[in-house]
Amino acid sequence: MTTRYLNGRIFTADDDPARAWAESLVIDGETITYVGTRADAPPADETVDLEGRLVLPGFTDAHTHLLMAGAALGQVPLTAARSLDEIQALLREARAANPDAAVLRGRGWLFDSVPDGAPTAAMIDAVVDDIPVYLDANDYHSCWVNSAALVELGITRDTPDPIGGHFARDAAGEPTGLLYETAATQYAWAHRDATTTDTDRDADVERVIEAYLAAGVTGAIDMAFDEFGLDALRRAEERHGGELPIRVAAHWIITNTGDDAENLAQVSRAAELARETASSGVRVVGIKLILDGVIDACTAAMRHPYADGTNAAPIWPVAQLNPVVAAADAAGLQIAQHAIGDLASEIALDAIEHAIAVNGARPRRHRIEHLEYAAPGTAERMARLGVTASMQPVHSDPAIFANWAEMLGDDRVDRAFPWQEYEDAGALLAFSTDAPTAPHEALANMYVASTRASALDRSVAAIHPQFALPLAAAIGHATRDAAASVGDGDWRGRIAPGFAADLIVLDTDPFAKGPASLLDARVVQTIVAGKTRYRTDTAG
């Protein structure tokens, strides 16, 4: 079955400006066979008049957390709450709306919305004290809980801090209700995983797939994949006739157990899955390592202290990191390292150079995730090593930037999220959202990337507008380069002959109307592998 699309404004995302635009394309089955002018378009079994609409390659969310994003879409949203009173009001309303609930979960709260940036169990207890409450921070590196949750988790003054994390405590040593880094993952999230049913996870998967298709996302790269996610997506494949509606690649999460043998066993499991899934709809392509925390909570590893004089140690000591990176590299796995602070990104690149020295020179495409503040010269070093810069424009949204800037408090703030540095250095730059730490909507992400203004609050002025990118460049990083970031750049991510027919149709042309129109634009059709997976009533 061939379909010819005519009379469109087709942005191909080709990196050659001469081939960046077309007005017609033809799809044969799962593949694009023609891109060009209407006059030269070959005949087809079916013809669709695009009526001047804009067509883009489907977005690839190059760093996301699928199950968590699906779950978050069903939790109490707290990002817009800018005071403790507002947070408490939302929790009170959620409890009243579901009086039979055994637990209350929320997500997205901001440190600067809480007095002194220090949330406590007592603040939640004041409005909900009869059931456990778990509230994931906007960055998902901390979890704020109430007293009932502390009891449920068995956290007391005698509970030791885990490797790479800690419990906030009062002067007497009693836990106050905030779990940082691995304290959140090993306690709050582990309990969540143990009490979440397969039925719950199946609902989360369907919810996130539906949301992504409506947002024009045709591919996703999961950055904390585990056995729960693998099983859930395999079940989803079965429900969808053996083929997921979106393309999924995944990085297996490796946690630092403190034991080298156990750490390397996790790498072996990832390598085994990479072999097993190489030709499946859900591919394990690499591993994910979390080297540090976040600037908002002063847990990112920095070369120089924060404004309050504190600093944070890396979650992975070099002596334990290097063997894992070398083993994964030897197994042909792609290595993705979360590194938000400049010390963490330096350690990440040192580990990659160590792996190259151990395993020898060969083609490889490793990644560093986030790079919110990296020292001058980092981009050039990454380009030399062929390391991808995986960054999230929505993390620079001005509506949530104040706390980030306050934590650093010096001229480091002037180099926040400098995407052009990576472009200029020649490093591959892949854009994503890191959902659910930020909204999953691709068009809002492109608005922030092309303006440095806020998609969360339109009244907030742009910050660092000199770092904004041309819209064409931003979309290229979120389509063409995002696909290339997992080695798919030779067959998807662009609208070109021989490429996968993954594309979207918008009801608005932001190239003509300006980036502000991205906030009101809608995806009216999403096509994945030549099949329409999402369509609105106005899609034609």
Protein backbone atom coordinates (compact mmCIF):
# COMPACT_ATOMS: atom_id res chain seq x y z
CA MET A 1 0.00 0.00 0.00
CA THR A 2 1.46 3.35 -1.09
CA THR A 3 0.26 6.74 0.12
CA ARG A 4 1.18 10.07 -1.42
CA TYR A 5 1.01 13.24 0.69
CA LEU A 6 0.70 16.49 -1.23
CA ASN A 7 0.51 20.22 -0.53
CA GLY A 8 2.34 20.17 2.76
CA ARG A 9 5.09 22.14 4.44
CA ILE A 10 7.44 19.26 5.14
CA PHE A 11 10.43 19.89 7.39
CA THR A 12 12.73 16.95 6.77
CA ALA A 13 15.32 17.67 9.52
CA ASP A 14 18.04 16.98 6.98
CA ASP A 15 21.27 18.64 8.10
CA ASP A 16 21.78 19.93 4.55
CA PRO A 17 19.71 23.15 4.33
CA ALA A 18 19.11 22.49 0.63
CA ARG A 19 17.13 19.37 1.56
CA ALA A 20 15.47 20.68 4.71
CA TRP A 21 12.10 21.39 3.11
CA ALA A 22 9.75 19.57 0.75
CA GLU A 23 6.10 19.70 -0.27
CA SER A 24 5.32 16.06 -0.98
CA LEU A 25 6.25 12.60 0.23
CA VAL A 26 5.30 9.00 -0.50
CA ILE A 27 5.11 6.15 1.97
CA ASP A 28 5.24 2.51 0.88
CA GLY A 29 4.34 0.26 3.79
CA GLU A 30 6.66 1.20 6.66
CA THR A 31 9.12 3.23 4.59
CA ILE A 32 9.37 6.66 2.99
CA THR A 33 10.14 6.23 -0.71
CA TYR A 34 9.93 9.79 -2.04
CA VAL A 35 10.45 13.31 -0.67
CA GLY A 36 10.36 16.34 -2.92
CA THR A 37 8.11 18.54 -5.01
CA ARG A 38 4.50 17.88 -5.84
CA ALA A 39 5.25 17.92 -9.57
CA ASP A 40 7.73 15.06 -9.28
CA ALA A 41 5.77 12.94 -6.80
CA PRO A 42 5.09 9.45 -8.23
CA PRO A 43 1.58 8.01 -8.31
CA ALA A 44 0.35 6.01 -5.32
CA ASP A 45 -2.59 3.88 -4.24
CA GLU A 46 -3.91 6.71 -2.08
CA THR A 47 -3.43 10.47 -2.05
CA VAL A 48 -3.75 12.72 1.02
CA ASP A 49 -4.01 16.49 0.68
CA LEU A 50 -2.14 18.04 3.62
CA GLU A 51 -3.81 21.40 2.94
CA GLY A 52 -0.65 23.31 3.79
CA ARG A 53 -0.12 21.71 7.20
CA LEU A 54 3.33 21.33 8.69
CA VAL A 55 4.87 17.85 8.71
CA LEU A 56 7.81 16.97 10.96
CA PRO A 57 9.76 13.80 11.67
CA GLY A 58 8.40 12.08 14.75
CA PHE A 59 10.12 13.19 17.94
CA THR A 60 12.33 10.77 19.85
CA ASP A 61 12.42 11.47 23.59
CA ALA A 62 16.10 10.64 23.99
CA HIS A 63 15.93 10.40 27.80
CA THR A 64 12.75 9.38 29.56
CA HIS A 65 11.40 6.98 32.18
CA LEU A 66 8.39 5.27 30.68
CA LEU A 67 6.77 3.52 33.65
CA MET A 68 7.45 6.44 35.97
CA ALA A 69 6.04 8.89 33.43
CA GLY A 70 2.92 6.80 33.02
CA ALA A 71 2.47 6.57 36.77
CA ALA A 72 3.12 10.29 37.23
CA LEU A 73 0.30 11.15 34.84
CA GLY A 74 -2.04 9.58 37.39
CA GLN A 75 -0.58 11.28 40.49
CA VAL A 76 -1.16 14.62 42.21
CA PRO A 77 0.69 17.28 40.15
CA LEU A 78 2.55 19.72 42.39
CA THR A 79 4.89 21.70 40.12
CA ALA A 80 2.49 24.62 39.74
CA ALA A 81 2.11 24.92 43.53
CA ARG A 82 4.44 27.75 44.54
CA SER A 83 3.92 27.72 48.31
CA LEU A 84 3.43 25.22 51.10
CA ASP A 85 -0.19 26.35 51.44
CA GLU A 86 -0.83 25.50 47.79
CA ILE A 87 0.87 22.10 48.12
CA GLN A 88 -1.16 21.31 51.23
CA ALA A 89 -4.39 22.38 49.53
CA LEU A 90 -3.74 20.00 46.63
CA LEU A 91 -3.01 17.13 49.00
CA ARG A 92 -6.12 17.87 51.05
CA GLU A 93 -8.24 17.90 47.88
CA ALA A 94 -6.73 14.66 46.61
CA ARG A 95 -7.40 12.90 49.91
CA ALA A 96 -10.99 14.13 49.99
CA ALA A 97 -11.53 13.01 46.40
CA ASN A 98 -10.39 9.46 47.19
CA PRO A 99 -11.21 8.68 50.83
CA ASP A 100 -10.76 4.92 50.35
CA ALA A 101 -7.16 5.22 49.08
CA ALA A 102 -4.50 3.34 51.05
CA VAL A 103 -1.68 5.63 49.86
CA LEU A 104 -1.37 9.08 48.32
CA ARG A 105 1.30 9.81 45.71
CA GLY A 106 2.26 13.15 44.24
CA ARG A 107 5.05 14.44 42.05
CA GLY A 108 6.82 17.53 40.86
CA TRP A 109 7.17 19.73 43.97
CA LEU A 110 9.91 22.36 43.90
CA PHE A 111 12.38 23.09 46.69
CA ASP A 112 11.77 26.82 46.54
CA SER A 113 8.04 26.25 47.12
CA VAL A 114 8.76 24.91 50.61
CA PRO A 115 9.89 27.08 53.56
CA ASP A 116 13.70 27.21 53.62
CA GLY A 117 13.77 24.46 50.98
CA ALA A 118 13.40 21.95 53.82
CA PRO A 119 10.20 19.88 53.58
CA THR A 120 9.23 17.85 56.64
CA ALA A 121 6.82 15.05 57.42
CA ALA A 122 4.97 17.39 59.77
CA MET A 123 4.07 19.66 56.86
CA ILE A 124 2.24 16.78 55.17
CA ASP A 125 0.84 15.41 58.44
CA ALA A 126 -0.96 18.73 58.92
CA VAL A 127 -3.32 17.82 56.06
CA VAL A 128 -2.95 14.04 55.55
CA ASP A 129 -1.82 11.89 58.46
CA ASP A 130 -4.03 8.80 58.23
CA ILE A 131 -2.31 7.13 55.24
CA PRO A 132 1.26 7.13 53.87
CA VAL A 133 2.07 10.01 51.52
CA TYR A 134 4.94 9.90 49.01
CA LEU A 135 5.82 13.03 47.04
CA ASP A 136 8.58 12.82 44.43
CA ALA A 137 10.52 16.04 43.85
CA ASN A 138 10.42 17.65 40.43
CA ASP A 139 13.87 16.23 39.68
CA TYR A 140 12.95 12.76 41.04
CA HIS A 141 16.12 12.70 43.12
CA SER A 142 14.37 13.25 46.45
CA CYS A 143 11.19 11.92 47.99
CA TRP A 144 9.23 13.81 50.66
CA VAL A 145 7.12 11.60 52.91
CA ASN A 146 4.85 11.94 55.92
CA SER A 147 5.13 10.22 59.27
CA ALA A 148 2.93 7.30 58.22
CA ALA A 149 5.27 6.64 55.30
CA LEU A 150 8.35 6.75 57.56
CA VAL A 151 6.70 4.10 59.72
CA GLU A 152 5.72 2.03 56.68
CA LEU A 153 9.30 2.15 55.38
CA GLY A 154 10.77 1.35 58.78
CA ILE A 155 12.97 4.45 58.77
CA THR A 156 14.09 5.47 62.26
CA ARG A 157 17.00 7.35 63.84
CA ASP A 158 18.92 4.05 63.75
CA THR A 159 18.52 3.52 59.99
CA PRO A 160 21.93 4.08 58.36
CA ASP A 161 22.29 6.27 55.28
CA PRO A 162 22.74 4.16 52.13
CA ILE A 163 25.68 4.53 49.76
CA GLY A 164 25.09 7.64 47.65
CA GLY A 165 22.19 9.04 49.65
CA HIS A 166 20.96 10.17 53.04
CA PHE A 167 17.95 10.89 55.22
CA ALA A 168 17.32 14.46 56.35
CA ARG A 169 17.49 14.51 60.14
CA ASP A 170 16.84 17.00 62.92
CA ALA A 171 19.34 18.05 65.58
CA ALA A 172 18.46 14.97 67.64
CA GLY A 173 19.11 12.63 64.70
CA GLU A 174 15.46 11.84 63.99
CA PRO A 175 14.46 11.51 60.30
CA THR A 176 12.41 14.53 59.24
CA GLY A 177 10.73 13.15 56.12
CA LEU A 178 13.04 13.93 53.18
CA LEU A 179 14.89 11.11 51.44
CA TYR A 180 17.79 12.15 49.22
CA GLU A 181 19.13 10.22 46.21
CA THR A 182 19.63 6.49 46.93
CA ALA A 183 17.70 6.85 50.18
CA ALA A 184 14.68 7.59 47.98
CA THR A 185 15.36 4.82 45.49
CA GLN A 186 16.24 2.11 48.01
CA TYR A 187 13.38 2.87 50.39
CA ALA A 188 10.48 4.84 48.89
CA TRP A 189 10.86 3.57 45.33
CA ALA A 190 11.71 0.01 46.35
CA HIS A 191 8.55 -0.07 48.45
CA ARG A 192 6.59 1.40 45.54
CA ASP A 193 7.92 -1.29 43.21
CA ALA A 194 7.10 -4.05 45.68
CA THR A 195 3.53 -2.87 46.17
CA THR A 196 2.72 -1.92 42.56
CA THR A 197 0.87 -4.68 40.69
CA ASP A 198 1.32 -5.76 37.09
CA THR A 199 -2.15 -4.38 36.45
CA ASP A 200 -0.96 -0.99 37.71
CA ARG A 201 2.12 -1.11 35.50
CA ASP A 202 0.09 -2.12 32.47
CA ALA A 203 -2.12 0.91 33.00
CA ASP A 204 0.97 3.11 33.35
CA VAL A 205 2.40 1.83 30.06
CA GLU A 206 -0.83 2.42 28.16
CA ARG A 207 -1.18 5.88 29.69
CA VAL A 208 2.32 6.98 28.66
CA ILE A 209 2.09 5.51 25.16
CA GLU A 210 -1.18 7.33 24.58
CA ALA A 211 0.29 10.58 25.91
CA TYR A 212 3.42 10.30 23.80
CA LEU A 213 1.57 9.59 20.57
CA ALA A 214 -0.69 12.58 21.18
CA ALA A 215 2.45 14.69 21.71
CA GLY A 216 4.03 13.56 18.43
CA VAL A 217 6.62 11.28 20.01
CA THR A 218 7.29 8.19 17.91
CA GLY A 219 10.32 6.87 19.79
CA ALA A 220 11.51 6.80 23.39
CA ILE A 221 14.78 5.93 25.09
CA ASP A 222 14.17 4.67 28.61
CA MET A 223 16.96 5.66 30.97
CA ALA A 224 16.34 3.51 34.05
CA PHE A 225 15.16 0.21 32.61
CA ASP A 226 14.77 -2.77 34.94
CA GLU A 227 13.00 -6.12 35.16
CA PHE A 228 9.67 -4.43 35.96
CA GLY A 229 9.88 -2.23 32.87
CA LEU A 230 11.02 -5.08 30.65
CA ASP A 231 8.14 -7.31 31.72
CA ALA A 232 5.60 -4.50 31.44
CA LEU A 233 6.64 -3.54 27.90
CA ARG A 234 6.71 -7.16 26.80
CA ARG A 235 3.14 -7.53 28.02
CA ALA A 236 2.28 -4.34 26.15
CA GLU A 237 3.73 -5.83 22.95
CA GLU A 238 1.44 -8.82 23.37
CA ARG A 239 -1.60 -6.59 23.90
CA HIS A 240 -0.75 -4.65 20.75
CA GLY A 241 -0.41 -7.67 18.51
CA GLY A 242 3.34 -8.11 18.90
CA GLU A 243 4.25 -4.52 17.98
CA LEU A 244 4.42 -1.52 20.30
CA PRO A 245 2.84 1.67 18.90
CA ILE A 246 6.10 3.56 19.59
CA ARG A 247 9.74 2.53 19.21
CA VAL A 248 11.57 1.85 22.47
CA ALA A 249 15.28 1.54 23.20
CA ALA A 250 16.44 1.20 26.78
CA HIS A 251 19.43 1.55 29.09
CA TRP A 252 19.61 -0.94 31.95
CA ILE A 253 20.01 0.78 35.30
CA ILE A 254 23.14 -0.24 37.22
CA THR A 255 23.12 0.55 40.93
CA ASN A 256 26.26 0.78 43.02
CA THR A 257 25.96 -2.04 45.55
CA GLY A 258 29.43 -1.42 46.96
CA ASP A 259 30.49 -4.86 45.72
CA ASP A 260 32.43 -5.01 42.42
CA ALA A 261 31.28 -8.55 41.62
CA GLU A 262 27.63 -7.64 42.09
CA ASN A 263 28.05 -4.49 40.01
CA LEU A 264 29.64 -6.44 37.17
CA ALA A 265 26.88 -9.05 37.36
CA GLN A 266 24.40 -6.27 36.57
CA VAL A 267 26.46 -5.38 33.50
CA SER A 268 26.41 -9.03 32.42
CA ARG A 269 22.63 -9.05 32.70
CA ALA A 270 22.43 -5.96 30.50
CA ALA A 271 24.72 -7.54 27.91
CA GLU A 272 22.59 -10.70 27.92
CA LEU A 273 19.43 -8.66 27.35
CA ALA A 274 21.09 -6.62 24.61
CA ARG A 275 21.77 -9.83 22.70
CA GLU A 276 18.28 -11.19 23.31
CA THR A 277 16.45 -8.01 22.31
CA ALA A 278 18.61 -6.83 19.39
CA SER A 279 15.84 -7.43 16.85
CA SER A 280 12.81 -6.93 19.09
CA GLY A 281 10.50 -3.96 19.52
CA VAL A 282 11.95 -3.17 22.95
CA ARG A 283 15.76 -3.11 22.67
CA VAL A 284 18.22 -2.96 25.53
CA VAL A 285 21.09 -0.99 24.02
CA GLY A 286 23.20 -0.03 27.01
CA ILE A 287 23.53 0.74 30.69
CA LYS A 288 22.69 3.76 32.81
CA LEU A 289 24.84 4.99 35.69
CA ILE A 290 23.83 7.81 38.05
CA LEU A 291 27.06 9.55 39.02
CA ASP A 292 25.61 12.42 41.04
CA GLY A 293 22.42 14.15 42.12
CA VAL A 294 20.92 17.50 41.21
CA ILE A 295 21.85 21.13 41.70
CA ASP A 296 18.45 22.03 43.20
CA ALA A 297 19.12 19.77 46.18
CA CYS A 298 22.89 20.47 46.30
CA THR A 299 23.57 16.79 45.56
CA ALA A 300 25.22 17.26 42.14
CA ALA A 301 28.98 16.76 42.36
CA MET A 302 30.68 20.11 41.71
CA ARG A 303 34.32 21.14 41.42
CA HIS A 304 33.62 24.06 43.76
CA PRO A 305 31.14 24.30 46.67
CA TYR A 306 27.58 25.55 46.52
CA ALA A 307 26.59 28.97 47.78
CA ASP A 308 26.04 27.59 51.29
CA GLY A 309 29.56 26.13 51.38
CA THR A 310 28.49 22.49 51.03
CA ASN A 311 29.33 20.06 48.26
CA ALA A 312 28.39 16.52 47.30
CA ALA A 313 30.52 13.46 46.64
CA PRO A 314 29.91 11.37 43.52
CA ILE A 315 27.54 8.43 43.96
CA TRP A 316 30.04 6.19 42.13
CA PRO A 317 33.62 6.35 43.47
CA VAL A 318 36.13 6.10 40.63
CA ALA A 319 37.48 2.78 41.88
CA GLN A 320 34.05 1.20 41.46
CA LEU A 321 32.99 3.16 38.38
CA ASN A 322 35.92 2.34 36.11
CA PRO A 323 35.50 -1.47 36.13
CA VAL A 324 31.80 -1.16 35.32
CA VAL A 325 32.34 1.26 32.44
CA ALA A 326 35.20 -0.82 31.04
CA ALA A 327 33.15 -4.03 31.22
CA ALA A 328 30.14 -2.45 29.56
CA ASP A 329 32.32 -0.94 26.85
CA ALA A 330 33.98 -4.30 26.21
CA ALA A 331 30.54 -5.88 25.84
CA GLY A 332 29.58 -3.35 23.17
CA LEU A 333 27.00 -1.65 25.36
CA GLN A 334 26.31 2.05 25.11
CA ILE A 335 27.11 3.77 28.40
CA ALA A 336 24.87 6.61 29.56
CA GLN A 337 26.11 8.46 32.63
CA HIS A 338 23.95 10.91 34.57
CA ALA A 339 26.27 13.83 35.31
CA ILE A 340 24.75 17.18 36.25
CA GLY A 341 27.69 18.77 38.06
CA ASP A 342 31.02 19.62 36.45
CA LEU A 343 32.97 17.22 38.67
CA ALA A 344 30.61 14.40 37.71
CA SER A 345 31.00 15.03 33.97
CA GLU A 346 34.78 15.09 34.39
CA ILE A 347 34.66 11.72 36.17
CA ALA A 348 32.36 10.34 33.48
CA LEU A 349 34.74 11.28 30.69
CA ASP A 350 37.72 9.96 32.65
CA ALA A 351 35.92 6.61 32.93
CA ILE A 352 35.27 6.53 29.18
CA GLU A 353 38.92 7.32 28.45
CA HIS A 354 39.92 4.53 30.83
CA ALA A 355 37.64 2.10 28.95
CA ILE A 356 39.17 3.13 25.63
CA ALA A 357 42.66 2.55 27.01
CA VAL A 358 41.66 -0.89 28.32
CA ASN A 359 39.60 -2.06 25.35
CA GLY A 360 41.35 -0.34 22.46
CA ALA A 361 40.21 2.09 19.79
CA ARG A 362 37.03 1.24 17.88
CA PRO A 363 33.79 3.02 16.96
CA ARG A 364 31.65 3.73 20.02
CA ARG A 365 28.94 6.24 20.93
CA HIS A 366 28.64 6.75 24.68
CA ARG A 367 26.57 9.51 26.32
CA ILE A 368 26.47 11.94 29.20
CA GLU A 369 23.03 12.84 30.49
CA HIS A 370 21.98 16.36 31.53
CA LEU A 371 25.25 18.38 31.72
CA GLU A 372 23.41 21.23 33.43
CA TYR A 373 26.68 22.81 34.45
CA ALA A 374 29.89 21.56 32.84
CA ALA A 375 33.29 23.23 32.98
CA PRO A 376 34.64 25.07 29.93
CA GLY A 377 36.34 22.59 27.61
CA THR A 378 33.94 19.74 28.41
CA ALA A 379 32.14 20.02 25.07
CA GLU A 380 35.41 19.86 23.13
CA ARG A 381 36.55 16.83 25.10
CA MET A 382 33.24 15.09 24.42
CA ALA A 383 33.51 15.81 20.70
CA ARG A 384 37.01 14.31 20.60
CA LEU A 385 35.76 11.16 22.33
CA GLY A 386 32.57 10.91 20.26
CA VAL A 387 30.39 11.27 23.36
CA THR A 388 26.80 12.47 22.92
CA ALA A 389 25.51 15.40 24.96
CA SER A 390 22.02 14.35 26.07
CA MET A 391 20.24 17.47 27.37
CA GLN A 392 16.74 18.57 28.32
CA PRO A 393 15.59 22.08 27.35
CA VAL A 394 12.62 21.90 29.74
CA HIS A 395 15.03 21.68 32.68
CA SER A 396 16.08 25.26 31.91
CA ASP A 397 12.52 26.58 32.08
CA PRO A 398 12.73 30.02 33.77
CA ALA A 399 9.73 29.24 36.00
CA ILE A 400 11.82 26.67 37.90
CA PHE A 401 15.26 28.25 37.48
CA ALA A 402 15.46 30.49 40.56
CA ASN A 403 16.31 27.75 43.04
CA TRP A 404 18.89 26.27 40.65
CA ALA A 405 20.62 29.65 40.38
CA GLU A 406 20.43 30.32 44.13
CA MET A 407 22.13 27.03 44.99
CA LEU A 408 25.19 27.96 42.89
CA GLY A 409 25.07 31.68 43.61
CA ASP A 410 28.01 32.76 41.44
CA ASP A 411 29.10 33.20 37.84
CA ARG A 412 28.51 29.50 37.14
CA VAL A 413 24.87 30.49 36.68
CA ASP A 414 25.86 32.37 33.54
CA ARG A 415 26.75 29.11 31.79
CA ALA A 416 23.63 27.14 32.60
CA PHE A 417 22.52 24.75 29.84
CA PRO A 418 24.82 26.19 27.10
CA TRP A 419 23.67 24.06 24.18
CA GLN A 420 25.63 26.03 21.58
CA GLU A 421 28.90 24.98 23.19
CA TYR A 422 28.22 21.39 22.17
CA GLU A 423 27.10 22.39 18.68
CA ASP A 424 30.19 24.54 18.18
CA ALA A 425 32.48 21.79 19.44
CA GLY A 426 30.95 19.27 17.01
CA ALA A 427 29.51 16.95 19.65
CA LEU A 428 26.24 15.19 18.90
CA LEU A 429 23.50 17.01 20.86
CA ALA A 430 20.32 15.04 21.56
CA PHE A 431 17.28 16.68 23.15
CA SER A 432 14.75 15.03 25.46
CA THR A 433 12.42 15.77 28.36
CA ASP A 434 13.50 13.35 31.12
CA ALA A 435 9.81 12.80 31.82
CA PRO A 436 8.42 12.69 34.44
CA THR A 437 10.96 15.14 35.89
CA ALA A 438 9.51 17.59 33.36
CA PRO A 439 6.43 17.62 31.11
CA HIS A 440 6.61 15.09 28.28
CA GLU A 441 5.15 17.38 25.60
CA ALA A 442 7.62 17.68 22.72
CA LEU A 443 6.32 20.99 21.36
CA ALA A 444 6.66 22.74 24.72
CA ASN A 445 10.19 21.39 24.89
CA MET A 446 10.92 22.99 21.51
CA TYR A 447 9.47 26.28 22.74
CA VAL A 448 11.93 26.41 25.65
CA ALA A 449 14.80 25.36 23.37
CA SER A 450 14.08 28.07 20.81
CA THR A 451 13.29 30.93 23.24
CA ARG A 452 14.70 30.12 26.71
CA ALA A 453 11.31 31.37 27.91
CA SER A 454 8.91 29.44 30.15
CA ALA A 455 6.47 26.83 28.91
CA LEU A 456 5.18 26.40 32.47
CA ASP A 457 4.31 30.04 33.11
CA ARG A 458 4.07 32.38 30.13
CA SER A 459 4.36 35.43 32.38
CA VAL A 460 7.97 34.56 33.30
CA ALA A 461 10.59 36.29 31.17
CA ALA A 462 13.25 34.41 29.27
CA ILE A 463 16.55 33.70 31.02
CA HIS A 464 19.76 33.42 29.01
CA PRO A 465 18.02 34.14 25.69
CA GLN A 466 21.46 34.20 24.07
CA PHE A 467 21.48 30.40 24.44
CA ALA A 468 18.21 29.93 22.52
CA LEU A 469 18.53 27.91 19.31
CA PRO A 470 16.90 28.44 15.92
CA LEU A 471 13.74 26.35 15.78
CA ALA A 472 15.07 24.19 12.94
CA ALA A 473 18.16 23.33 14.98
CA ALA A 474 16.11 22.53 18.09
CA ILE A 475 13.80 20.19 16.18
CA GLY A 476 16.79 18.54 14.53
CA HIS A 477 18.30 17.77 17.93
CA ALA A 478 14.98 16.27 19.10
CA THR A 479 14.38 14.14 15.99
CA ARG A 480 17.40 13.41 13.81
CA ASP A 481 20.03 13.62 16.57
CA ALA A 482 17.88 11.95 19.23
CA ALA A 483 17.51 8.93 16.94
CA ALA A 484 21.23 9.00 16.17
CA SER A 485 22.02 9.01 19.90
CA VAL A 486 21.19 5.28 20.04
CA GLY A 487 22.65 4.42 16.65
CA ASP A 488 19.41 4.75 14.65
CA GLY A 489 20.40 7.82 12.67
CA ASP A 490 20.79 5.94 9.39
CA TRP A 491 17.17 4.76 9.24
CA ARG A 492 14.91 7.02 11.30
CA GLY A 493 14.69 10.56 12.65
CA ARG A 494 14.50 12.31 9.27
CA ILE A 495 12.01 12.47 6.45
CA ALA A 496 14.06 11.01 3.64
CA PRO A 497 13.81 8.17 1.09
CA GLY A 498 14.65 4.85 2.68
CA PHE A 499 13.90 6.08 6.20
CA ALA A 500 11.18 4.76 8.49
CA ALA A 501 7.82 6.44 7.97
CA ASP A 502 7.72 8.02 11.44
CA LEU A 503 6.21 11.49 11.13
CA ILE A 504 3.68 13.89 12.57
CA VAL A 505 1.28 16.52 11.24
CA LEU A 506 0.62 19.78 13.15
CA ASP A 507 -2.35 22.13 12.97
CA THR A 508 -0.02 25.14 13.25
CA ASP A 509 3.20 26.12 11.52
CA PRO A 510 5.53 27.63 14.18
CA PHE A 511 8.13 28.36 11.49
CA ALA A 512 5.63 30.79 9.98
CA LYS A 513 3.82 31.96 13.13
CA GLY A 514 6.78 32.06 15.49
CA PRO A 515 7.90 29.87 18.42
CA ALA A 516 5.15 31.19 20.72
CA SER A 517 2.63 29.26 18.62
CA LEU A 518 4.24 26.02 19.81
CA LEU A 519 2.44 26.38 23.13
CA ASP A 520 -0.96 26.24 21.45
CA ALA A 521 -0.13 23.98 18.50
CA ARG A 522 -1.62 20.50 18.38
CA VAL A 523 -0.47 17.28 16.82
CA VAL A 524 -3.32 16.15 14.57
CA GLN A 525 -1.74 12.92 13.28
CA THR A 526 1.10 10.66 14.38
CA ILE A 527 2.39 7.99 12.03
CA VAL A 528 4.78 5.26 13.19
CA ALA A 529 6.20 2.77 10.68
CA GLY A 530 3.63 3.93 8.15
CA LYS A 531 0.66 3.31 10.47
CA THR A 532 -1.50 6.09 11.88
CA ARG A 533 -1.22 5.63 15.63
CA TYR A 534 -2.92 8.87 16.67
CA ARG A 535 -5.38 11.16 14.90
CA THR A 536 -7.67 13.95 16.00
CA ASP A 537 -11.05 14.71 14.51
CA THR A 538 -9.53 17.64 12.64
CA ALA A 539 -6.74 15.61 11.02
CA GLY A 540 -8.55 15.36 7.69
